Protein backbone atom coordinates (compact mmCIF):
# COMPACT_ATOMS: atom_id res chain seq x y z
CA MET A 1 37.06 145.06 232.34
CA ARG A 2 37.95 141.76 230.69
CA ARG A 3 37.02 138.33 231.93
CA VAL A 4 39.62 135.62 232.20
CA SER A 5 39.11 131.99 233.15
CA PHE A 6 41.63 130.30 235.40
CA SER A 7 41.72 126.52 235.57
CA TRP A 8 43.58 125.21 238.58
CA ILE A 9 46.15 122.50 238.00
CA GLY A 10 48.50 120.67 240.29
CA SER A 11 48.69 121.16 244.00
CA VAL A 12 47.99 124.35 245.88
CA ALA A 13 49.82 123.11 248.94
CA MET A 14 53.14 123.17 247.12
CA GLY A 15 54.04 126.67 248.16
CA THR A 16 52.91 128.46 245.00
CA LEU A 17 49.65 128.32 243.12
CA VAL A 18 49.99 126.86 239.66
CA LEU A 19 47.37 127.82 237.10
CA HIS A 20 46.71 128.22 233.42
CA ALA A 21 45.14 131.43 232.16
CA GLN A 22 42.96 131.39 229.09
CA THR A 23 40.88 134.03 227.37
CA PRO A 24 37.83 132.15 226.03
CA SER A 25 37.23 132.39 222.31
CA PRO A 26 35.34 130.31 219.70
CA THR A 27 38.52 128.34 218.97
CA ASN A 28 39.86 128.29 222.52
CA ALA A 29 37.03 127.23 224.78
CA ALA A 30 37.27 127.78 228.50
CA PRO A 31 38.37 124.71 230.46
CA SER A 32 35.76 122.68 232.27
CA ALA A 33 34.69 123.98 235.68
CA PRO A 34 37.06 126.98 235.68
CA LEU A 35 37.43 129.57 238.35
CA SER A 36 36.12 132.47 236.26
CA ILE A 37 36.78 135.88 237.74
CA GLN A 38 36.70 139.47 236.63
CA ILE A 39 39.91 141.45 236.87
CA VAL A 40 38.96 144.39 239.08
CA PRO A 41 40.84 146.93 241.18
CA SER A 42 41.52 145.77 244.72
CA GLY A 43 38.45 146.23 246.89
CA ASN A 44 36.08 146.91 243.97
CA TYR A 45 34.14 143.68 244.32
CA SER A 46 31.00 142.44 242.63
CA ALA A 47 27.78 142.67 244.64
CA ASP A 48 27.00 139.09 243.62
CA PRO A 49 28.17 136.84 246.51
CA LYS A 50 29.60 134.05 244.36
CA GLU A 51 31.40 136.43 242.01
CA GLY A 52 32.64 138.51 244.94
CA ALA A 53 33.97 135.36 246.58
CA LYS A 54 35.89 134.43 243.42
CA GLN A 55 37.36 137.91 243.20
CA ARG A 56 38.52 137.79 246.81
CA ALA A 57 40.06 134.37 246.22
CA TYR A 58 41.94 135.73 243.22
CA GLU A 59 43.18 138.68 245.24
CA ALA A 60 44.22 136.26 248.00
CA MET A 61 46.18 134.27 245.43
CA ASN A 62 48.15 137.36 244.45
CA MET A 63 48.82 138.12 248.10
CA MET A 64 50.06 134.57 248.67
CA LEU A 65 52.44 134.88 245.75
CA ASN A 66 53.72 138.10 247.34
CA LYS A 67 53.98 136.40 250.77
CA ASN A 68 51.29 138.61 252.30
CA LEU A 69 49.71 135.80 254.28
CA ASP A 70 47.72 138.04 256.62
CA GLY A 71 46.05 139.80 253.70
CA ALA A 72 45.40 136.52 251.93
CA LEU A 73 43.82 135.04 255.04
CA ALA A 74 41.49 138.03 255.45
CA ASN A 75 40.34 137.78 251.83
CA LEU A 76 39.77 134.04 252.08
CA ASP A 77 37.78 134.48 255.29
CA ASP A 78 35.56 136.93 253.40
CA ALA A 79 35.29 134.62 250.39
CA ILE A 80 34.13 131.73 252.57
CA LYS A 81 31.53 133.91 254.29
CA LEU A 82 30.18 134.93 250.88
CA ASP A 83 30.17 131.45 249.34
CA PRO A 84 30.61 128.76 251.99
CA ASP A 85 30.08 125.94 249.48
CA ALA A 86 32.97 126.90 247.18
CA ILE A 87 35.94 124.60 247.68
CA MET A 88 38.86 126.68 246.43
CA PRO A 89 38.86 129.24 249.26
CA TYR A 90 39.11 126.37 251.75
CA VAL A 91 41.97 124.76 249.81
CA MET A 92 43.78 128.10 249.59
CA ARG A 93 43.16 128.94 253.25
CA SER A 94 44.51 125.52 254.18
CA GLU A 95 47.68 126.45 252.30
CA VAL A 96 47.95 129.78 254.13
CA HIS A 97 47.63 128.01 257.48
CA ALA A 98 50.19 125.40 256.41
CA ARG A 99 52.71 128.11 255.52
CA ARG A 100 52.18 129.55 258.98
CA LYS A 101 52.67 126.08 260.52
CA GLU A 102 49.09 126.21 261.81
CA TRP A 103 48.62 122.55 261.05
CA ASP A 104 45.30 121.91 262.80
CA ALA A 105 43.66 124.85 261.05
CA ALA A 106 45.13 123.71 257.71
CA GLU A 107 43.71 120.23 258.24
CA THR A 108 40.29 121.58 259.22
CA ASP A 109 40.04 123.59 255.99
CA ILE A 110 41.20 120.82 253.67
CA ASN A 111 38.81 118.39 255.38
CA THR A 112 35.97 120.84 254.79
CA ALA A 113 36.88 120.94 251.10
CA LEU A 114 36.93 117.12 251.09
CA ARG A 115 33.51 117.00 252.68
CA LEU A 116 32.14 119.37 250.04
CA ARG A 117 33.83 117.67 247.07
CA PRO A 118 35.17 114.24 248.09
CA GLU A 119 35.77 113.13 244.50
CA ASN A 120 37.67 116.25 243.44
CA PRO A 121 41.24 115.16 242.54
CA LEU A 122 42.73 118.57 243.40
CA VAL A 123 41.25 118.43 246.90
CA GLN A 124 42.38 114.81 247.34
CA LEU A 125 45.90 115.71 246.27
CA ASN A 126 46.13 118.66 248.62
CA ALA A 127 44.80 116.59 251.52
CA ALA A 128 47.45 113.93 250.91
CA ASP A 129 50.14 116.57 250.39
CA LEU A 130 49.33 118.13 253.75
CA LYS A 131 50.03 114.78 255.44
CA LEU A 132 53.32 114.43 253.56
CA ARG A 133 54.24 117.98 254.45
CA ARG A 134 53.69 117.21 258.14
CA GLY A 135 55.87 114.11 257.99
CA GLN A 136 52.89 111.77 258.30
CA PHE A 137 54.36 109.46 255.68
CA SER A 138 52.24 106.36 256.28
CA GLU A 139 48.99 108.34 256.23
CA ALA A 140 50.06 110.30 253.17
CA ARG A 141 51.03 107.14 251.31
CA ALA A 142 47.66 105.56 252.04
CA SER A 143 45.89 108.69 250.77
CA TYR A 144 47.86 108.79 247.52
CA GLN A 145 47.13 105.12 246.93
CA THR A 146 43.38 105.70 247.16
CA MET A 147 43.53 108.30 244.37
CA THR A 148 42.64 107.31 240.82
CA PRO A 149 45.60 108.32 238.65
CA THR A 150 44.94 110.08 235.37
CA SER A 151 47.30 110.90 232.52
CA ALA A 152 47.81 114.28 234.19
CA THR A 153 48.41 113.03 237.74
CA ALA A 154 49.92 109.51 237.52
CA ASP A 155 53.53 110.71 237.38
CA LEU A 156 53.08 113.06 240.33
CA ILE A 157 51.27 110.50 242.47
CA SER A 158 53.98 107.89 241.83
CA TYR A 159 56.62 110.44 242.81
CA ARG A 160 54.75 111.31 246.00
CA ILE A 161 54.44 107.64 247.00
CA PHE A 162 58.16 107.24 246.35
CA LEU A 163 58.87 110.21 248.64
CA CYS A 164 56.71 108.65 251.35
CA ASP A 165 58.81 105.49 251.25
CA LEU A 166 61.99 107.55 251.47
CA GLY A 167 60.52 109.29 254.50
CA LEU A 168 59.60 105.94 256.01
CA LYS A 169 63.15 104.66 255.35
CA LYS A 170 61.71 101.79 253.29
CA THR A 171 64.79 101.64 251.10
CA LYS A 172 63.90 98.45 249.23
CA ASP A 173 60.40 99.65 248.39
CA ALA A 174 61.75 103.03 247.31
CA GLU A 175 64.39 101.37 245.14
CA GLN A 176 61.73 99.28 243.39
CA GLU A 177 59.61 102.35 242.80
CA LEU A 178 62.60 104.22 241.45
CA ALA A 179 63.15 101.46 238.90
CA ALA A 180 59.54 101.87 237.76
CA PHE A 181 60.32 105.41 236.54
CA THR A 182 61.51 104.50 233.05
CA ASP A 183 60.78 107.63 231.00
CA ASP A 184 63.54 110.18 231.56
CA LYS A 185 61.40 112.87 229.93
CA THR A 186 58.94 112.93 232.84
CA PRO A 187 59.40 115.14 235.90
CA GLY A 188 58.82 112.13 238.13
CA TYR A 189 61.82 110.28 236.68
CA ASN A 190 64.21 113.16 237.18
CA PHE A 191 62.94 114.30 240.58
CA ALA A 192 62.75 110.77 241.94
CA HIS A 193 66.37 110.16 240.92
CA ALA A 194 67.36 113.50 242.43
CA ALA A 195 65.54 112.66 245.68
CA TRP A 196 67.22 109.26 245.78
CA ALA A 197 70.66 110.84 245.40
CA LEU A 198 69.88 113.42 248.07
CA ASP A 199 68.61 110.76 250.45
CA GLN A 200 71.92 108.92 249.96
CA GLY A 201 73.82 112.10 250.81
CA GLN A 202 75.01 112.54 247.22
CA ALA A 203 73.70 116.01 246.47
CA GLN A 204 76.06 116.62 243.57
CA GLN A 205 74.58 113.65 241.73
CA ALA A 206 71.08 115.12 242.07
CA VAL A 207 71.90 118.31 240.17
CA PRO A 208 72.04 116.88 236.60
CA PHE A 209 68.57 115.35 237.02
CA LEU A 210 67.10 118.67 238.11
CA LYS A 211 68.79 120.55 235.30
CA LEU A 212 67.46 118.03 232.79
CA ALA A 213 63.92 118.46 234.13
CA LEU A 214 64.24 122.23 233.74
CA GLN A 215 65.40 121.81 230.16
CA GLN A 216 62.37 119.67 229.38
CA HIS A 217 59.58 121.43 231.27
CA PRO A 218 58.58 124.99 232.24
CA ARG A 219 59.81 125.91 235.70
CA GLN A 220 56.26 126.68 236.83
CA ALA A 221 55.18 123.13 236.02
CA LEU A 222 57.91 121.75 238.29
CA ILE A 223 56.98 123.67 241.44
CA ILE A 224 54.87 120.79 242.71
CA TYR A 225 57.86 118.46 242.28
CA PHE A 226 60.35 120.77 243.98
CA ALA A 227 57.90 121.02 246.88
CA GLY A 228 58.44 117.35 247.66
CA LEU A 229 62.18 117.90 247.97
CA GLU A 230 61.51 120.80 250.32
CA TRP A 231 59.11 118.82 252.50
CA LEU A 232 61.68 116.06 253.01
CA GLY A 233 64.34 118.62 253.93
CA TYR A 234 66.57 118.14 250.89
CA LEU A 235 66.83 121.70 249.56
CA PRO A 236 69.58 122.85 251.98
CA LEU A 237 71.76 120.02 250.66
CA LEU A 238 71.33 121.26 247.11
CA LYS A 239 72.16 124.84 248.02
CA VAL A 240 75.53 123.69 249.30
CA VAL A 241 76.61 122.15 245.99
CA THR A 242 75.06 124.44 243.37
CA ASP A 243 73.68 127.89 242.66
CA PRO A 244 69.95 127.60 243.47
CA ASN A 245 69.05 129.70 240.42
CA THR A 246 70.49 127.09 238.06
CA ILE A 247 68.10 124.43 239.31
CA GLY A 248 65.00 126.55 239.73
CA ILE A 249 64.85 127.02 243.51
């Protein structure tokens, strides 16, 4: 059996888990603080509690990708029993509950992850995303603003704040934030312009921005941006004016 390290990137609460897979080697070191698991047949878990918890979380991830939420939930329950101080099972279980519209349970799990690792940017992002997903735009905006942007997260956080202002109908604030997106090679630029067009009822004008983003970035990297359009209810508008496959949804 081979060992693979998975480093989690982006937001889990976007509807699909986004991750990078690396096989460690002398020239390709494993990322810092990875979720390192052993690829094993389903049910053939390590006797070590922490390793067994990671394996169950990985299996739950596969089940989530295949929309088997009941199976994912059972595996995450087991993972948390085995390693109650690991944050990822709580973040993932929060996502399962969110997909099932079990909002209180989703909030309980993400708050537990926050209590365990309050400075973890992935946990902070998912906690804020849960508020945005529930339509709690003011609370979500405040949470995004408390985050410390990095080169990897600044574009996404700015986009999320922009979406909050669209949700709050703060048109002037949103327009100012839209003008601050100046690099048309970033996902935030293209998705913010698409969201603006959709919010104005001009779905056809949103399509070129989304197509440009897909030309510039891997589809998997854009899932967390498409999620924002879904949470604000824009995707049905897009499906009326274009083939969803051409814009990655």
